[in-house]
Amino acid sequence: MAEKTQEETQQEIEEQHKKEQRIIDLRLQLSSSYSPDGDWKIAKIQEARLIGEADPYDINELHQRRQAIRDEINQLQSELGEKE
């Protein structure tokens, strides 16, 4: 097997860093109080249900968006794991 050039190695490192940063960004999207997909919406839905009020947000739509984010995180983690 041919050895990698320094440029190829640098490109791989940069690609890995991009994926790691994307994972960080996606996790923040799930947890940020400023994100339209953040945990705060889940808390608001739960609070409304506890006091017998209607859900303030569409839980099915929210769940689908959050699951898509989690799926992307899992895919990126898998790709990173393959290279380690």
Protein backbone atom coordinates (compact mmCIF):
# COMPACT_ATOMS: atom_id res chain seq x y z
CA MET A 1 0.00 0.00 0.00
CA ALA A 2 1.35 3.40 -0.96
CA GLU A 3 2.10 5.85 1.80
CA LYS A 4 -0.09 8.91 2.10
CA THR A 5 1.34 12.22 1.14
CA GLN A 6 1.51 14.99 3.70
CA GLU A 7 -1.22 16.81 1.77
CA GLU A 8 -3.53 13.76 1.88
CA THR A 9 -2.91 13.36 5.59
CA GLN A 10 -3.64 17.05 6.19
CA GLN A 11 -6.87 16.79 4.17
CA GLU A 12 -7.98 13.82 6.27
CA ILE A 13 -7.26 15.70 9.48
CA GLU A 14 -9.21 18.72 8.23
CA GLU A 15 -12.13 16.49 7.22
CA GLN A 16 -12.12 14.86 10.65
CA HIS A 17 -12.13 18.28 12.34
CA LYS A 18 -15.06 19.39 10.17
CA LYS A 19 -17.04 16.33 11.21
CA GLU A 20 -16.16 16.82 14.87
CA GLN A 21 -17.27 20.46 14.67
CA ARG A 22 -20.48 19.47 12.92
CA ILE A 23 -21.25 17.04 15.77
CA ILE A 24 -20.68 19.84 18.29
CA ASP A 25 -22.96 22.17 16.31
CA LEU A 26 -25.70 19.54 16.06
CA ARG A 27 -25.55 18.79 19.79
CA LEU A 28 -25.88 22.51 20.49
CA GLN A 29 -28.86 22.63 18.17
CA LEU A 30 -30.56 20.02 20.36
CA SER A 31 -29.71 21.68 23.66
CA SER A 32 -29.66 25.42 22.96
CA SER A 33 -32.39 27.59 24.39
CA TYR A 34 -32.20 29.61 21.15
CA SER A 35 -32.69 26.65 18.82
CA PRO A 36 -36.11 25.94 17.31
CA ASP A 37 -35.35 22.26 17.97
CA GLY A 38 -33.94 22.70 21.47
CA ASP A 39 -34.68 20.77 24.63
CA TRP A 40 -36.67 23.74 25.90
CA LYS A 41 -39.52 22.88 23.54
CA ILE A 42 -39.68 19.36 24.97
CA ALA A 43 -39.82 20.86 28.46
CA LYS A 44 -42.62 23.23 27.43
CA ILE A 45 -44.63 20.34 25.99
CA GLN A 46 -44.14 18.27 29.12
CA GLU A 47 -45.11 21.19 31.34
CA ALA A 48 -48.29 21.79 29.32
CA ARG A 49 -49.23 18.12 29.54
CA LEU A 50 -48.64 18.04 33.30
CA ILE A 51 -51.11 20.85 33.86
CA GLY A 52 -53.61 19.49 31.35
CA GLU A 53 -53.08 22.03 28.60
CA ALA A 54 -52.68 21.40 24.89
CA ASP A 55 -49.18 20.95 23.49
CA PRO A 56 -47.77 24.36 22.55
CA TYR A 57 -45.80 22.78 19.66
CA ASP A 58 -46.39 19.92 17.25
CA ILE A 59 -44.58 17.09 19.03
CA ASN A 60 -44.55 14.83 15.96
CA GLU A 61 -42.88 17.47 13.80
CA LEU A 62 -40.46 18.38 16.57
CA HIS A 63 -39.59 14.73 17.16
CA GLN A 64 -38.92 14.17 13.46
CA ARG A 65 -36.58 17.17 13.27
CA ARG A 66 -34.75 16.17 16.46
CA GLN A 67 -34.45 12.56 15.29
CA ALA A 68 -32.96 13.72 11.98
CA ILE A 69 -30.36 15.68 13.97
CA ARG A 70 -29.58 12.64 16.14
CA ASP A 71 -29.33 10.45 13.03
CA GLU A 72 -26.79 12.83 11.50
CA ILE A 73 -24.78 12.86 14.73
CA ASN A 74 -24.76 9.05 14.76
CA GLN A 75 -23.69 8.90 11.11
CA LEU A 76 -20.82 11.32 11.67
CA GLN A 77 -19.71 9.46 14.79
CA SER A 78 -19.76 6.22 12.82
CA GLU A 79 -17.66 7.75 10.04
CA LEU A 80 -15.16 9.07 12.57
CA GLY A 81 -15.01 5.69 14.30
CA GLU A 82 -14.13 3.96 11.05
CA LYS A 83 -11.01 6.09 10.72
CA GLU A 84 -9.76 5.64 14.27
